[in-house]
Structure formats: structure tokens, C-alpha cells
């Protein structure tokens, strides 16, 4: 796994069809301008694990050793949060409500003025966050970890899976329809009352989940695993490339992007998949 000539990409953040950012193991953010990928050199040399931003003048890229880079629309600058624990990704509601999370349950929160710690009540790694607003955020992680943030603190919720199942991605259409993906082909759905397992048809590790509606959801993962949910069942997608896929995000039904190892970026335009790798 992850032994290609090009950098292995670990996250992707699309803003427009001609403005997409990716980060990966080489620690160099890359930007798609509609015609080509352009690397952006920074002082950072650590692998970058995740990227998120509310808009193009406020983008966070985080990674190993607690590195945090912030893009202001012109330059990437390193941010000292006071923490040096490795971070897996970033997520927020707006530029004054940003979470950085990662190894060993590390959780940092930016309120627009300062960085603070938030206690997620776990020592396990945190891998994914999603929410409808600052008072309703769902967090998942290693060994079946699931936490709910109510705007003030993270609450323990009943374990959704066995401890040997790690949960990597979370996404929803609204607060009463949420999906989680994880190891061993795990996909869970919350219907507003209960979490229930879904039949994915695979045993591969599913690392990321994203969609445009309850009838249009994608999940991707190890060994070129790609799945699509049409509101009734999950079906495999024939992968355009035989790579490990790490993230799926998009802008709509005709702008779905998947990132992965060896510089892989593929796009679905609503009809077919095309290769736009580094």
C-alpha cells in the first residue's frame, strides 16, 4: 500500500470545478486550476493527512507532528496551536468554528479568537467529523468510537460496532439521516431513531463516504473499493484505476471527486469517470 512514484493523496477539498485542493504524504498542498495541478511549496515537510475550509480564503491542512497550515487566499502559513500530537483532519461549520482532530483522541477547537482543547472522552484516534451545525456534530474513530458534540462538549454514545471495527468516515443529508463507513466493509445508517448496519457487499476497509442526497451516496476505500448507494442498495463501481482510495468529496451529482494513492484523482461528471491525477 502507498508505494507509487507520485505522492499518495490522503484528502481532497473541492471548492469549484476549477479550484480543488489535495494533500498527502509529501506534505505539499496541490491546487487544480481547471487545467493542471500546481504544487504549493511551504516550510512544511511533514505528511499532510487532512484538509478542510469553509471557503477559499480560509483553508486548513493538518498532519503529522501536529502541523497546521492555514491558507488565506494568497499564502499558506504555519499555525502554532500549542499542540504537537499528529492530526488526521479538520472540520468546521465556518471560519470561527473549526475542529482539528487526530491521534490519541486529540481535539482542538478554534472559536475565532484562540485555540482550545476539547475533550472527546476517548484515547483512540479520531478519523471523521460531520454535522449540520455547531450544536450537532458527529465524530468517529478507531475501535468503534462514536461521539456527539452538542455545542459545548462531546458525549459518549452507545458503541455502534464491535471494538475491532474502526470507523473512518461520516456524512449525512440532515440530522435524521446519517451514514458512517469503516473497516470490514462496515456501513451504518442513522434514521433519526436508531443506527442500523447496511449491507455493503464488501469486506474492504471503507475510508470515506459522501453524497448529494439520500439516493446518491459514494463510499471508497482499500484495494480500489468504490460503492454507490441509490437509496435502495449499495452497488460496486468498476474502478477507473486500481489504487487505494482515501477520500470522496464533491460539489454535486456531476462533480464527484475521489483521491487516492500514487497521486490519484478521478472525477465523475454524472455520466462517466475520468482521470485527472497528478
Protein backbone atom coordinates (compact mmCIF):
# COMPACT_ATOMS: atom_id res chain seq x y z
CA UNK A 1 0.00 0.00 0.00
CA UNK A 2 1.18 3.51 -0.88
CA UNK A 3 4.32 2.77 -2.86
CA UNK A 4 3.92 4.83 -6.03
CA UNK A 5 6.11 7.37 -7.76
CA UNK A 6 3.69 10.22 -7.15
CA UNK A 7 2.58 11.44 -3.70
CA UNK A 8 -0.10 9.38 -2.02
CA UNK A 9 -3.07 11.68 -1.55
CA UNK A 10 -4.93 11.50 1.75
CA UNK A 11 -7.60 14.18 1.38
CA UNK A 12 -9.29 16.43 -1.17
CA UNK A 13 -11.24 19.69 -0.87
CA UNK A 14 -13.16 20.91 -3.93
CA UNK A 15 -14.48 24.47 -3.97
CA UNK A 16 -15.25 24.88 -7.67
CA UNK A 17 -14.68 22.80 -10.77
CA UNK A 18 -11.57 24.91 -11.40
CA UNK A 19 -10.41 25.12 -7.79
CA UNK A 20 -9.62 21.88 -5.97
CA UNK A 21 -7.01 21.21 -3.30
CA UNK A 22 -5.36 17.93 -2.36
CA UNK A 23 -2.85 17.00 0.34
CA UNK A 24 -0.84 13.89 1.03
CA UNK A 25 2.24 12.16 2.28
CA UNK A 26 4.70 14.54 0.61
CA UNK A 27 3.41 17.43 2.73
CA UNK A 28 2.88 19.67 -0.31
CA UNK A 29 -0.61 21.09 -0.98
CA UNK A 30 -1.57 20.89 -4.65
CA UNK A 31 -4.15 23.07 -6.41
CA UNK A 32 -6.16 22.27 -9.53
CA UNK A 33 -6.90 25.45 -11.51
CA UNK A 34 -9.06 23.82 -14.15
CA UNK A 35 -6.16 22.90 -16.38
CA UNK A 36 -3.34 21.49 -14.29
CA UNK A 37 -2.19 20.62 -10.79
CA UNK A 38 0.20 23.11 -9.25
CA UNK A 39 2.21 22.27 -6.12
CA UNK A 40 2.42 24.94 -3.46
CA UNK A 41 5.70 24.96 -1.57
CA UNK A 42 5.60 25.73 2.13
CA UNK A 43 8.03 25.41 5.01
CA UNK A 44 6.32 22.17 5.98
CA UNK A 45 7.91 18.79 5.26
CA UNK A 46 5.59 16.62 7.36
CA UNK A 47 2.92 14.46 5.70
CA UNK A 48 -0.44 16.21 5.49
CA UNK A 49 -3.36 13.97 6.44
CA UNK A 50 -6.39 16.19 6.01
CA UNK A 51 -7.74 19.40 4.51
CA UNK A 52 -10.90 21.45 5.05
CA UNK A 53 -12.08 25.01 4.65
CA UNK A 54 -15.35 26.97 4.71
CA UNK A 55 -14.17 28.99 1.69
CA UNK A 56 -11.05 29.61 -0.39
CA UNK A 57 -9.72 32.34 1.89
CA UNK A 58 -9.68 30.02 4.89
CA UNK A 59 -8.33 26.51 4.30
CA UNK A 60 -6.70 24.30 6.92
CA UNK A 61 -4.28 21.48 6.11
CA UNK A 62 -3.12 19.35 9.03
CA UNK A 63 -0.83 16.41 9.59
CA UNK A 64 1.94 14.52 11.34
CA UNK A 65 3.57 16.19 14.33
CA UNK A 66 0.59 18.48 14.83
CA UNK A 67 1.45 20.60 11.81
CA UNK A 68 -1.28 23.08 10.87
CA UNK A 69 -1.16 25.14 7.69
CA UNK A 70 -3.68 27.91 7.03
CA UNK A 71 -4.31 29.33 3.57
CA UNK A 72 -5.68 32.89 3.48
CA UNK A 73 -6.30 33.06 -0.25
CA UNK A 74 -2.74 34.08 -1.04
CA UNK A 75 -0.27 32.17 1.12
CA UNK A 76 -0.02 29.03 3.22
CA UNK A 77 1.28 29.85 6.68
CA UNK A 78 2.09 27.60 9.59
CA UNK A 79 -0.11 27.98 12.66
CA UNK A 80 1.16 27.20 16.16
CA UNK A 81 -1.74 25.69 18.11
CA UNK A 82 0.47 24.71 21.05
CA UNK A 83 -0.14 21.03 20.34
CA UNK A 84 2.22 18.66 18.57
CA UNK A 85 0.14 15.50 18.52
CA UNK A 86 -0.44 14.25 14.98
CA UNK A 87 -3.68 15.37 13.37
CA UNK A 88 -5.79 13.38 10.91
CA UNK A 89 -8.05 16.10 9.58
CA UNK A 90 -10.02 19.30 10.07
CA UNK A 91 -13.71 20.07 10.02
CA UNK A 92 -15.85 23.05 10.82
CA UNK A 93 -19.05 24.96 10.36
CA UNK A 94 -17.48 28.30 9.45
CA UNK A 95 -14.15 30.10 9.94
CA UNK A 96 -14.95 30.78 13.62
CA UNK A 97 -15.90 27.19 14.42
CA UNK A 98 -13.11 24.82 13.39
CA UNK A 99 -12.08 21.45 14.82
CA UNK A 100 -8.71 19.77 14.29
CA UNK A 101 -8.62 16.13 15.37
CA UNK A 102 -6.35 13.14 15.31
CA UNK A 103 -4.19 10.66 17.13
CA UNK A 104 -4.98 9.58 20.66
CA UNK A 105 -8.25 11.48 20.79
CA UNK A 106 -6.59 14.85 20.26
CA UNK A 107 -9.21 17.51 19.56
CA UNK A 108 -8.51 21.24 19.09
CA UNK A 109 -11.15 23.92 18.59
CA UNK A 110 -10.85 27.41 17.09
CA UNK A 111 -13.56 29.85 18.19
CA UNK A 112 -12.38 32.72 16.01
CA UNK A 113 -10.02 34.08 18.65
CA UNK A 114 -7.99 31.27 20.20
CA UNK A 115 -7.26 27.55 20.14
CA UNK A 116 -8.60 25.40 22.97
CA UNK A 117 -8.65 21.73 23.74
CA UNK A 118 -11.93 19.87 23.56
CA UNK A 119 -12.25 16.57 25.40
CA UNK A 120 -13.77 13.86 23.18
CA UNK A 121 -13.70 11.31 26.02
CA UNK A 122 -11.51 8.81 24.21
CA UNK A 123 -7.84 7.95 23.79
CA UNK A 124 -8.48 6.36 20.41
CA UNK A 125 -7.64 8.01 17.08
CA UNK A 126 -10.32 10.21 15.54
CA UNK A 127 -10.86 9.94 11.80
CA UNK A 128 -14.06 11.68 10.72
CA UNK A 129 -16.48 14.51 11.57
CA UNK A 130 -19.71 15.79 10.08
CA UNK A 131 -22.54 17.96 11.34
CA UNK A 132 -25.48 20.15 10.41
CA UNK A 133 -24.45 22.97 12.74
CA UNK A 134 -22.14 23.67 15.69
CA UNK A 135 -24.64 22.08 18.11
CA UNK A 136 -24.97 18.81 16.19
CA UNK A 137 -21.64 17.27 15.16
CA UNK A 138 -20.86 13.57 14.83
CA UNK A 139 -17.34 12.21 15.29
CA UNK A 140 -16.00 8.71 14.57
CA UNK A 141 -12.71 6.93 15.18
CA UNK A 142 -10.76 3.80 15.93
CA UNK A 143 -12.19 0.81 17.79
CA UNK A 144 -15.79 1.77 17.11
CA UNK A 145 -15.56 5.23 18.64
CA UNK A 146 -18.59 7.50 18.11
CA UNK A 147 -19.11 10.83 19.85
CA UNK A 148 -21.78 13.54 19.57
CA UNK A 149 -20.97 17.22 20.11
CA UNK A 150 -23.80 19.45 21.34
CA UNK A 151 -22.02 22.79 21.04
CA UNK A 152 -20.42 22.54 24.46
CA UNK A 153 -19.00 19.06 24.94
CA UNK A 154 -18.57 15.65 23.34
CA UNK A 155 -20.91 12.99 24.66
CA UNK A 156 -20.26 9.29 24.70
CA UNK A 157 -22.86 7.36 22.75
CA UNK A 158 -23.51 3.66 22.74
CA UNK A 159 -20.89 1.73 20.80
CA UNK A 160 -22.20 1.28 17.29
CA UNK A 161 -19.98 -1.67 16.42
CA UNK A 162 -17.60 -4.20 17.94
CA UNK A 163 -14.27 -2.77 19.09
CA UNK A 164 -12.39 -4.46 16.28
CA UNK A 165 -14.28 -2.26 13.79
CA UNK A 166 -12.70 1.15 13.15
CA UNK A 167 -14.96 3.92 11.85
CA UNK A 168 -13.36 6.26 9.31
CA UNK A 169 -15.98 8.41 7.59
CA UNK A 170 -19.27 10.09 8.43
CA UNK A 171 -21.70 12.11 6.30
CA UNK A 172 -25.39 12.86 6.25
CA UNK A 173 -28.18 14.53 4.31
CA UNK A 174 -29.57 16.03 7.53
CA UNK A 175 -29.64 15.28 11.24
CA UNK A 176 -32.03 12.35 10.87
CA UNK A 177 -30.23 10.60 8.02
CA UNK A 178 -26.54 9.95 8.68
CA UNK A 179 -24.09 7.38 7.28
CA UNK A 180 -20.85 6.02 8.75
CA UNK A 181 -18.29 3.83 6.98
CA UNK A 182 -15.48 1.77 8.42
CA UNK A 183 -13.34 -1.33 8.36
CA UNK A 184 -14.53 -4.77 7.23
CA UNK A 185 -16.99 -3.20 4.77
CA UNK A 186 -18.94 -1.55 7.56
CA UNK A 187 -21.65 0.96 6.66
CA UNK A 188 -24.13 2.22 9.27
CA UNK A 189 -27.22 4.39 8.83
CA UNK A 190 -28.99 6.57 11.39
CA UNK A 191 -32.69 7.17 10.65
CA UNK A 192 -33.36 9.63 13.43
CA UNK A 193 -34.05 6.91 15.97
CA UNK A 194 -31.58 4.05 15.63
CA UNK A 195 -28.27 3.16 14.00
CA UNK A 196 -28.58 0.13 11.73
CA UNK A 197 -25.98 -1.78 9.69
CA UNK A 198 -26.28 -1.73 5.91
CA UNK A 199 -25.22 -4.49 3.52
CA UNK A 200 -22.21 -3.13 1.64
CA UNK A 201 -21.27 -6.27 -0.27
CA UNK A 202 -17.58 -5.90 0.57
CA UNK A 203 -15.15 -6.68 3.37
CA UNK A 204 -12.70 -3.95 2.33
CA UNK A 205 -11.88 -1.03 4.60
CA UNK A 206 -14.14 1.85 3.58
CA UNK A 207 -12.29 5.07 4.40
CA UNK A 208 -14.62 7.81 3.20
CA UNK A 209 -18.31 8.43 2.50
CA UNK A 210 -20.04 11.39 0.84
CA UNK A 211 -23.15 12.07 -1.18
CA UNK A 212 -25.50 14.59 -2.72
CA UNK A 213 -28.79 13.13 -1.44
CA UNK A 214 -30.27 10.05 0.22
CA UNK A 215 -30.38 8.44 -3.25
CA UNK A 216 -26.84 9.34 -4.32
CA UNK A 217 -24.05 8.34 -1.93
CA UNK A 218 -20.48 7.15 -2.54
CA UNK A 219 -18.08 5.18 -0.35
CA UNK A 220 -14.45 4.42 -1.22
CA UNK A 221 -11.55 2.57 0.36
CA UNK A 222 -8.79 0.00 0.18
CA UNK A 223 -8.00 -2.11 -2.88
CA UNK A 224 -9.84 0.20 -5.30
CA UNK A 225 -13.13 -0.26 -3.42
CA UNK A 226 -15.83 2.05 -4.80
CA UNK A 227 -19.51 1.79 -3.92
CA UNK A 228 -22.66 3.74 -4.80
CA UNK A 229 -25.97 3.87 -2.94
CA UNK A 230 -29.12 4.69 -4.91
CA UNK A 231 -31.49 4.88 -1.95
CA UNK A 232 -32.19 1.16 -2.05
CA UNK A 233 -28.92 -0.74 -2.11
CA UNK A 234 -25.15 -0.39 -2.27
CA UNK A 235 -23.56 -1.49 -5.56
CA UNK A 236 -19.91 -1.74 -6.59
CA UNK A 237 -18.47 0.72 -9.10
CA UNK A 238 -15.90 -0.56 -11.56
CA UNK A 239 -12.83 1.50 -10.60
CA UNK A 240 -11.13 3.57 -13.25
CA UNK A 241 -7.79 2.88 -11.56
CA UNK A 242 -6.57 0.00 -9.44
CA UNK A 243 -5.44 2.08 -6.46
CA UNK A 244 -6.23 2.53 -2.80
CA UNK A 245 -8.80 5.31 -2.47
CA UNK A 246 -8.69 7.53 0.59
CA UNK A 247 -11.37 10.22 0.18
CA UNK A 248 -14.51 11.04 -1.75
CA UNK A 249 -15.98 14.55 -1.81
CA UNK A 250 -17.85 16.61 -4.34
CA UNK A 251 -19.86 19.65 -5.34
CA UNK A 252 -22.91 17.91 -6.79
CA UNK A 253 -24.13 14.85 -8.73
CA UNK A 254 -21.99 15.79 -11.72
CA UNK A 255 -18.89 16.80 -9.74
CA UNK A 256 -17.73 13.90 -7.57
CA UNK A 257 -14.02 13.55 -6.80
CA UNK A 258 -12.05 10.62 -5.40
CA UNK A 259 -8.43 10.86 -4.19
CA UNK A 260 -6.00 8.05 -3.50
CA UNK A 261 -2.52 6.63 -3.60
CA UNK A 262 0.09 7.47 -6.25
CA UNK A 263 -1.36 10.91 -6.97
CA UNK A 264 -4.76 9.53 -7.93
CA UNK A 265 -7.66 11.91 -8.53
CA UNK A 266 -10.67 10.73 -10.51
CA UNK A 267 -13.85 12.65 -11.32
CA UNK A 268 -17.44 11.62 -12.04
CA UNK A 269 -19.35 14.06 -14.26
CA UNK A 270 -22.75 12.44 -13.82
CA UNK A 271 -22.21 10.05 -16.71
CA UNK A 272 -18.70 8.64 -16.54
CA UNK A 273 -15.48 8.65 -14.54
CA UNK A 274 -12.36 10.36 -15.86
CA UNK A 275 -8.76 10.54 -14.70
CA UNK A 276 -7.36 13.87 -13.52
CA UNK A 277 -4.50 12.52 -11.42
CA UNK A 278 -1.35 14.47 -10.58
